All heavy atoms as atom14 arrays in JSON, in Angstrom:
{
  "sequence": "PGQFDSATSASHFRYEVNLAPRLSGSDAARVSWLNKQ",
  "atom14_mask": [
    [1, 1, 1, 1, 1, 1, 1, 0, 0, 0, 0, 0, 0, 0],
    [1, 1, 1, 1, 0, 0, 0, 0, 0, 0, 0, 0, 0, 0],
    [1, 1, 1, 1, 1, 1, 1, 1, 1, 0, 0, 0, 0, 0],
    [1, 1, 1, 1, 1, 1, 1, 1, 1, 1, 1, 0, 0, 0],
    [1, 1, 1, 1, 1, 1, 1, 1, 0, 0, 0, 0, 0, 0],
    [1, 1, 1, 1, 1, 1, 0, 0, 0, 0, 0, 0, 0, 0],
    [1, 1, 1, 1, 1, 0, 0, 0, 0, 0, 0, 0, 0, 0],
    [1, 1, 1, 1, 1, 1, 1, 0, 0, 0, 0, 0, 0, 0],
    [1, 1, 1, 1, 1, 1, 0, 0, 0, 0, 0, 0, 0, 0],
    [1, 1, 1, 1, 1, 0, 0, 0, 0, 0, 0, 0, 0, 0],
    [1, 1, 1, 1, 1, 1, 0, 0, 0, 0, 0, 0, 0, 0],
    [1, 1, 1, 1, 1, 1, 1, 1, 1, 1, 0, 0, 0, 0],
    [1, 1, 1, 1, 1, 1, 1, 1, 1, 1, 1, 0, 0, 0],
    [1, 1, 1, 1, 1, 1, 1, 1, 1, 1, 1, 0, 0, 0],
    [1, 1, 1, 1, 1, 1, 1, 1, 1, 1, 1, 1, 0, 0],
    [1, 1, 1, 1, 1, 1, 1, 1, 1, 0, 0, 0, 0, 0],
    [1, 1, 1, 1, 1, 1, 1, 0, 0, 0, 0, 0, 0, 0],
    [1, 1, 1, 1, 1, 1, 1, 1, 0, 0, 0, 0, 0, 0],
    [1, 1, 1, 1, 1, 1, 1, 1, 0, 0, 0, 0, 0, 0],
    [1, 1, 1, 1, 1, 0, 0, 0, 0, 0, 0, 0, 0, 0],
    [1, 1, 1, 1, 1, 1, 1, 0, 0, 0, 0, 0, 0, 0],
    [1, 1, 1, 1, 1, 1, 1, 1, 1, 1, 1, 0, 0, 0],
    [1, 1, 1, 1, 1, 1, 1, 1, 0, 0, 0, 0, 0, 0],
    [1, 1, 1, 1, 1, 1, 0, 0, 0, 0, 0, 0, 0, 0],
    [1, 1, 1, 1, 0, 0, 0, 0, 0, 0, 0, 0, 0, 0],
    [1, 1, 1, 1, 1, 1, 0, 0, 0, 0, 0, 0, 0, 0],
    [1, 1, 1, 1, 1, 1, 1, 1, 0, 0, 0, 0, 0, 0],
    [1, 1, 1, 1, 1, 0, 0, 0, 0, 0, 0, 0, 0, 0],
    [1, 1, 1, 1, 1, 0, 0, 0, 0, 0, 0, 0, 0, 0],
    [1, 1, 1, 1, 1, 1, 1, 1, 1, 1, 1, 0, 0, 0],
    [1, 1, 1, 1, 1, 1, 1, 0, 0, 0, 0, 0, 0, 0],
    [1, 1, 1, 1, 1, 1, 0, 0, 0, 0, 0, 0, 0, 0],
    [1, 1, 1, 1, 1, 1, 1, 1, 1, 1, 1, 1, 1, 1],
    [1, 1, 1, 1, 1, 1, 1, 1, 0, 0, 0, 0, 0, 0],
    [1, 1, 1, 1, 1, 1, 1, 1, 0, 0, 0, 0, 0, 0],
    [1, 1, 1, 1, 1, 1, 1, 1, 1, 0, 0, 0, 0, 0],
    [1, 1, 1, 1, 1, 1, 1, 1, 1, 0, 0, 0, 0, 0]
  ],
  "atom14_positions": [
    [[16.52, -42.29, -6.82], [15.39, -42.82, -6.05], [14.05, -42.51, -6.72], [13.72, -41.35, -6.97], [15.52, -42.1, -4.7], [16.98, -41.82, -4.57], [17.44, -41.5, -5.96], [0.0, 0.0, 0.0], [0.0, 0.0, 0.0], [0.0, 0.0, 0.0], [0.0, 0.0, 0.0], [0.0, 0.0, 0.0], [0.0, 0.0, 0.0], [0.0, 0.0, 0.0]],
    [[13.33, -43.56, -7.08], [12.03, -43.38, -7.71], [12.07, -43.02, -9.18], [11.03, -42.72, -9.76], [0.0, 0.0, 0.0], [0.0, 0.0, 0.0], [0.0, 0.0, 0.0], [0.0, 0.0, 0.0], [0.0, 0.0, 0.0], [0.0, 0.0, 0.0], [0.0, 0.0, 0.0], [0.0, 0.0, 0.0], [0.0, 0.0, 0.0], [0.0, 0.0, 0.0]],
    [[13.24, -43.07, -9.8], [13.38, -42.72, -11.22], [13.97, -43.9, -11.98], [15.05, -44.38, -11.65], [14.28, -41.5, -11.38], [13.86, -40.29, -10.57], [12.54, -39.71, -11.02], [12.28, -39.61, -12.23], [11.71, -39.31, -10.08], [0.0, 0.0, 0.0], [0.0, 0.0, 0.0], [0.0, 0.0, 0.0], [0.0, 0.0, 0.0], [0.0, 0.0, 0.0]],
    [[13.27, -44.34, -13.04], [13.71, -45.51, -13.8], [13.55, -45.24, -15.29], [12.65, -44.53, -15.72], [12.89, -46.74, -13.42], [12.9, -47.09, -11.97], [11.98, -46.51, -11.1], [13.84, -47.97, -11.45], [11.99, -46.82, -9.74], [13.85, -48.28, -10.11], [12.93, -47.71, -9.24], [0.0, 0.0, 0.0], [0.0, 0.0, 0.0], [0.0, 0.0, 0.0]],
    [[14.42, -45.84, -16.08], [14.32, -45.86, -17.54], [14.21, -47.3, -17.99], [14.88, -48.19, -17.44], [15.55, -45.22, -18.18], [15.39, -43.72, -18.38], [14.27, -43.21, -18.16], [16.36, -43.06, -18.75], [0.0, 0.0, 0.0], [0.0, 0.0, 0.0], [0.0, 0.0, 0.0], [0.0, 0.0, 0.0], [0.0, 0.0, 0.0], [0.0, 0.0, 0.0]],
    [[13.39, -47.54, -19.02], [13.34, -48.86, -19.64], [13.98, -48.79, -21.01], [13.94, -47.74, -21.68], [11.9, -49.37, -19.74], [11.07, -48.43, -20.38], [0.0, 0.0, 0.0], [0.0, 0.0, 0.0], [0.0, 0.0, 0.0], [0.0, 0.0, 0.0], [0.0, 0.0, 0.0], [0.0, 0.0, 0.0], [0.0, 0.0, 0.0], [0.0, 0.0, 0.0]],
    [[14.6, -49.89, -21.45], [15.33, -49.91, -22.71], [14.44, -49.56, -23.89], [14.87, -48.92, -24.85], [15.98, -51.28, -22.91], [0.0, 0.0, 0.0], [0.0, 0.0, 0.0], [0.0, 0.0, 0.0], [0.0, 0.0, 0.0], [0.0, 0.0, 0.0], [0.0, 0.0, 0.0], [0.0, 0.0, 0.0], [0.0, 0.0, 0.0], [0.0, 0.0, 0.0]],
    [[13.19, -49.97, -23.84], [12.2, -49.63, -24.85], [10.91, -49.23, -24.15], [10.74, -49.48, -22.95], [11.92, -50.81, -25.8], [11.42, -51.92, -25.03], [13.17, -51.24, -26.54], [0.0, 0.0, 0.0], [0.0, 0.0, 0.0], [0.0, 0.0, 0.0], [0.0, 0.0, 0.0], [0.0, 0.0, 0.0], [0.0, 0.0, 0.0], [0.0, 0.0, 0.0]],
    [[10.03, -48.62, -24.89], [8.75, -48.23, -24.3], [7.97, -49.46, -23.87], [7.96, -50.48, -24.56], [7.93, -47.41, -25.29], [8.54, -46.16, -25.54], [0.0, 0.0, 0.0], [0.0, 0.0, 0.0], [0.0, 0.0, 0.0], [0.0, 0.0, 0.0], [0.0, 0.0, 0.0], [0.0, 0.0, 0.0], [0.0, 0.0, 0.0], [0.0, 0.0, 0.0]],
    [[7.32, -49.35, -22.73], [6.53, -50.45, -22.2], [5.18, -49.92, -21.75], [5.05, -48.75, -21.36], [7.26, -51.1, -21.03], [0.0, 0.0, 0.0], [0.0, 0.0, 0.0], [0.0, 0.0, 0.0], [0.0, 0.0, 0.0], [0.0, 0.0, 0.0], [0.0, 0.0, 0.0], [0.0, 0.0, 0.0], [0.0, 0.0, 0.0], [0.0, 0.0, 0.0]],
    [[4.18, -50.77, -21.81], [2.84, -50.36, -21.37], [2.38, -51.13, -20.14], [1.26, -50.94, -19.67], [1.83, -50.54, -22.51], [1.85, -51.87, -22.99], [0.0, 0.0, 0.0], [0.0, 0.0, 0.0], [0.0, 0.0, 0.0], [0.0, 0.0, 0.0], [0.0, 0.0, 0.0], [0.0, 0.0, 0.0], [0.0, 0.0, 0.0], [0.0, 0.0, 0.0]],
    [[3.24, -52.02, -19.64], [2.92, -52.78, -18.43], [4.07, -52.64, -17.43], [5.24, -52.53, -17.82], [2.68, -54.25, -18.76], [1.53, -54.48, -19.69], [0.23, -54.67, -19.27], [1.48, -54.51, -21.04], [-0.57, -54.83, -20.31], [0.17, -54.74, -21.41], [0.0, 0.0, 0.0], [0.0, 0.0, 0.0], [0.0, 0.0, 0.0], [0.0, 0.0, 0.0]],
    [[3.74, -52.68, -16.15], [4.76, -52.49, -15.12], [4.37, -53.23, -13.85], [3.21, -53.59, -13.64], [4.95, -51.0, -14.83], [3.67, -50.29, -14.47], [3.18, -50.26, -13.17], [2.94, -49.63, -15.46], [2.0, -49.61, -12.85], [1.75, -48.97, -15.15], [1.28, -48.97, -13.85], [0.0, 0.0, 0.0], [0.0, 0.0, 0.0], [0.0, 0.0, 0.0]],
    [[5.38, -53.42, -13.0], [5.15, -54.06, -11.7], [6.24, -53.58, -10.74], [7.4, -53.44, -11.13], [5.2, -55.58, -11.82], [4.92, -56.32, -10.51], [4.87, -57.82, -10.7], [6.13, -58.37, -11.19], [6.29, -58.94, -12.37], [5.26, -59.05, -13.21], [7.47, -59.42, -12.75], [0.0, 0.0, 0.0], [0.0, 0.0, 0.0], [0.0, 0.0, 0.0]],
    [[5.87, -53.34, -9.5], [6.85, -52.91, -8.5], [6.27, -53.09, -7.11], [5.08, -53.4, -6.94], [7.25, -51.44, -8.72], [6.09, -50.46, -8.67], [5.76, -49.77, -7.5], [5.33, -50.2, -9.81], [4.7, -48.89, -7.46], [4.27, -49.31, -9.78], [3.96, -48.66, -8.6], [2.9, -47.78, -8.57], [0.0, 0.0, 0.0], [0.0, 0.0, 0.0]],
    [[7.12, -52.92, -6.11], [6.7, -52.99, -4.71], [6.99, -51.65, -4.04], [7.91, -50.94, -4.44], [7.45, -54.1, -3.97], [7.18, -55.49, -4.51], [7.92, -56.57, -3.73], [8.44, -56.26, -2.62], [7.99, -57.72, -4.2], [0.0, 0.0, 0.0], [0.0, 0.0, 0.0], [0.0, 0.0, 0.0], [0.0, 0.0, 0.0], [0.0, 0.0, 0.0]],
    [[6.19, -51.34, -3.04], [6.43, -50.14, -2.24], [6.5, -50.54, -0.77], [5.57, -51.17, -0.26], [5.32, -49.09, -2.44], [5.69, -47.81, -1.68], [5.11, -48.79, -3.91], [0.0, 0.0, 0.0], [0.0, 0.0, 0.0], [0.0, 0.0, 0.0], [0.0, 0.0, 0.0], [0.0, 0.0, 0.0], [0.0, 0.0, 0.0], [0.0, 0.0, 0.0]],
    [[7.61, -50.22, -0.14], [7.81, -50.52, 1.27], [7.13, -49.43, 2.09], [7.58, -48.29, 2.13], [9.31, -50.58, 1.58], [9.59, -51.0, 3.01], [8.7, -51.07, 3.84], [10.85, -51.29, 3.3], [0.0, 0.0, 0.0], [0.0, 0.0, 0.0], [0.0, 0.0, 0.0], [0.0, 0.0, 0.0], [0.0, 0.0, 0.0], [0.0, 0.0, 0.0]],
    [[6.05, -49.79, 2.77], [5.27, -48.83, 3.53], [5.41, -49.02, 5.03], [4.53, -48.61, 5.81], [3.78, -48.91, 3.13], [3.47, -48.58, 1.66], [1.98, -48.7, 1.39], [3.96, -47.19, 1.31], [0.0, 0.0, 0.0], [0.0, 0.0, 0.0], [0.0, 0.0, 0.0], [0.0, 0.0, 0.0], [0.0, 0.0, 0.0], [0.0, 0.0, 0.0]],
    [[6.5, -49.64, 5.45], [6.74, -49.8, 6.88], [6.79, -48.43, 7.54], [7.48, -47.54, 7.06], [8.05, -50.55, 7.11], [0.0, 0.0, 0.0], [0.0, 0.0, 0.0], [0.0, 0.0, 0.0], [0.0, 0.0, 0.0], [0.0, 0.0, 0.0], [0.0, 0.0, 0.0], [0.0, 0.0, 0.0], [0.0, 0.0, 0.0], [0.0, 0.0, 0.0]],
    [[6.06, -48.24, 8.64], [6.05, -46.93, 9.31], [7.45, -46.53, 9.78], [8.05, -47.2, 10.6], [5.11, -47.16, 10.5], [4.25, -48.31, 10.1], [5.15, -49.2, 9.29], [0.0, 0.0, 0.0], [0.0, 0.0, 0.0], [0.0, 0.0, 0.0], [0.0, 0.0, 0.0], [0.0, 0.0, 0.0], [0.0, 0.0, 0.0], [0.0, 0.0, 0.0]],
    [[7.96, -45.45, 9.24], [9.28, -44.96, 9.63], [9.24, -43.45, 9.9], [10.26, -42.87, 10.24], [10.29, -45.21, 8.51], [10.46, -46.68, 8.17], [11.39, -46.86, 6.98], [11.56, -48.25, 6.61], [12.23, -48.66, 5.55], [12.8, -47.77, 4.75], [12.35, -49.95, 5.28], [0.0, 0.0, 0.0], [0.0, 0.0, 0.0], [0.0, 0.0, 0.0]],
    [[8.09, -42.86, 9.72], [7.98, -41.42, 9.8], [7.41, -41.0, 11.15], [6.97, -41.82, 11.95], [7.09, -40.9, 8.68], [7.49, -41.35, 7.27], [6.41, -40.97, 6.28], [8.83, -40.73, 6.87], [0.0, 0.0, 0.0], [0.0, 0.0, 0.0], [0.0, 0.0, 0.0], [0.0, 0.0, 0.0], [0.0, 0.0, 0.0], [0.0, 0.0, 0.0]],
    [[7.42, -39.72, 11.39], [6.82, -39.2, 12.61], [5.31, -39.31, 12.53], [4.73, -39.38, 11.44], [7.22, -37.74, 12.81], [6.69, -36.94, 11.77], [0.0, 0.0, 0.0], [0.0, 0.0, 0.0], [0.0, 0.0, 0.0], [0.0, 0.0, 0.0], [0.0, 0.0, 0.0], [0.0, 0.0, 0.0], [0.0, 0.0, 0.0], [0.0, 0.0, 0.0]],
    [[4.66, -39.33, 13.67], [3.21, -39.47, 13.7], [2.48, -38.39, 12.93], [1.43, -38.62, 12.35], [0.0, 0.0, 0.0], [0.0, 0.0, 0.0], [0.0, 0.0, 0.0], [0.0, 0.0, 0.0], [0.0, 0.0, 0.0], [0.0, 0.0, 0.0], [0.0, 0.0, 0.0], [0.0, 0.0, 0.0], [0.0, 0.0, 0.0], [0.0, 0.0, 0.0]],
    [[3.05, -37.19, 12.9], [2.4, -36.09, 12.19], [2.36, -36.31, 10.68], [1.54, -35.73, 9.98], [3.11, -34.76, 12.5], [4.46, -34.81, 12.05], [0.0, 0.0, 0.0], [0.0, 0.0, 0.0], [0.0, 0.0, 0.0], [0.0, 0.0, 0.0], [0.0, 0.0, 0.0], [0.0, 0.0, 0.0], [0.0, 0.0, 0.0], [0.0, 0.0, 0.0]],
    [[3.28, -37.15, 10.17], [3.31, -37.44, 8.74], [2.32, -38.53, 8.35], [2.07, -38.74, 7.16], [4.71, -37.87, 8.31], [5.72, -36.74, 8.41], [5.3, -35.58, 8.31], [6.91, -37.03, 8.6], [0.0, 0.0, 0.0], [0.0, 0.0, 0.0], [0.0, 0.0, 0.0], [0.0, 0.0, 0.0], [0.0, 0.0, 0.0], [0.0, 0.0, 0.0]],
    [[1.77, -39.22, 9.33], [0.93, -40.38, 9.03], [-0.34, -40.02, 8.29], [-0.91, -40.86, 7.6], [0.58, -41.11, 10.33], [0.0, 0.0, 0.0], [0.0, 0.0, 0.0], [0.0, 0.0, 0.0], [0.0, 0.0, 0.0], [0.0, 0.0, 0.0], [0.0, 0.0, 0.0], [0.0, 0.0, 0.0], [0.0, 0.0, 0.0], [0.0, 0.0, 0.0]],
    [[-0.82, -38.8, 8.43], [-2.03, -38.38, 7.74], [-1.74, -37.8, 6.37], [-2.66, -37.4, 5.66], [-2.78, -37.35, 8.59], [0.0, 0.0, 0.0], [0.0, 0.0, 0.0], [0.0, 0.0, 0.0], [0.0, 0.0, 0.0], [0.0, 0.0, 0.0], [0.0, 0.0, 0.0], [0.0, 0.0, 0.0], [0.0, 0.0, 0.0], [0.0, 0.0, 0.0]],
    [[-0.47, -37.75, 5.97], [-0.11, -37.08, 4.72], [0.47, -37.99, 3.67], [0.49, -37.65, 2.49], [0.89, -35.95, 5.02], [0.31, -34.86, 5.9], [1.25, -33.67, 5.99], [2.45, -33.97, 6.79], [3.55, -33.23, 6.79], [3.63, -32.18, 5.98], [4.56, -33.54, 7.56], [0.0, 0.0, 0.0], [0.0, 0.0, 0.0], [0.0, 0.0, 0.0]],
    [[1.0, -39.17, 4.04], [1.58, -40.1, 3.07], [1.1, -41.52, 3.38], [0.58, -41.81, 4.45], [3.12, -40.05, 3.08], [3.62, -38.7, 2.61], [3.67, -40.39, 4.46], [0.0, 0.0, 0.0], [0.0, 0.0, 0.0], [0.0, 0.0, 0.0], [0.0, 0.0, 0.0], [0.0, 0.0, 0.0], [0.0, 0.0, 0.0], [0.0, 0.0, 0.0]],
    [[1.33, -42.41, 2.42], [0.89, -43.8, 2.57], [1.71, -44.55, 3.62], [2.91, -44.33, 3.76], [1.0, -44.52, 1.23], [0.2, -43.92, 0.25], [0.0, 0.0, 0.0], [0.0, 0.0, 0.0], [0.0, 0.0, 0.0], [0.0, 0.0, 0.0], [0.0, 0.0, 0.0], [0.0, 0.0, 0.0], [0.0, 0.0, 0.0], [0.0, 0.0, 0.0]],
    [[1.03, -45.45, 4.33], [1.71, -46.34, 5.27], [0.83, -47.57, 5.46], [-0.36, -47.57, 5.17], [1.98, -45.66, 6.61], [0.77, -45.1, 7.31], [0.27, -43.84, 7.16], [-0.09, -45.78, 8.23], [-0.86, -43.67, 7.93], [-1.09, -44.84, 8.61], [-0.11, -47.05, 8.76], [-2.13, -45.17, 9.5], [-1.14, -47.38, 9.67], [-2.13, -46.45, 10.02]],
    [[1.45, -48.64, 5.96], [0.73, -49.9, 6.17], [1.39, -50.68, 7.28], [2.62, -50.84, 7.3], [0.73, -50.72, 4.87], [0.0, -52.07, 4.89], [-1.51, -51.87, 5.06], [0.29, -52.85, 3.61], [0.0, 0.0, 0.0], [0.0, 0.0, 0.0], [0.0, 0.0, 0.0], [0.0, 0.0, 0.0], [0.0, 0.0, 0.0], [0.0, 0.0, 0.0]],
    [[0.59, -51.15, 8.23], [1.11, -52.06, 9.24], [0.26, -53.33, 9.27], [-0.56, -53.54, 8.37], [1.2, -51.38, 10.62], [-0.16, -50.91, 11.13], [-1.2, -51.49, 10.83], [-0.15, -49.84, 11.92], [0.0, 0.0, 0.0], [0.0, 0.0, 0.0], [0.0, 0.0, 0.0], [0.0, 0.0, 0.0], [0.0, 0.0, 0.0], [0.0, 0.0, 0.0]],
    [[0.43, -54.17, 10.27], [-0.26, -55.46, 10.29], [-1.75, -55.34, 10.58], [-2.5, -56.29, 10.33], [0.4, -56.36, 11.32], [1.83, -56.77, 10.97], [2.41, -57.71, 12.02], [3.83, -58.1, 11.66], [4.42, -59.03, 12.66], [0.0, 0.0, 0.0], [0.0, 0.0, 0.0], [0.0, 0.0, 0.0], [0.0, 0.0, 0.0], [0.0, 0.0, 0.0]],
    [[-2.18, -54.2, 11.1], [-3.58, -54.04, 11.44], [-4.37, -53.19, 10.44], [-5.51, -53.48, 10.12], [-3.73, -53.39, 12.83], [-3.33, -54.29, 13.99], [-1.83, -54.36, 14.18], [-1.14, -53.36, 13.98], [-1.33, -55.52, 14.54], [0.0, 0.0, 0.0], [0.0, 0.0, 0.0], [0.0, 0.0, 0.0], [0.0, 0.0, 0.0], [0.0, 0.0, 0.0]]
  ]
}
């Protein structure tokens, strides 16, 4: 999880991060999250 190797060295990248709220409310001030508002 979160660890990738590329066949050759690269200087450009692209990815997505799923930030749907799944954590407890106390964690909301410590990690990234995103909702519709």
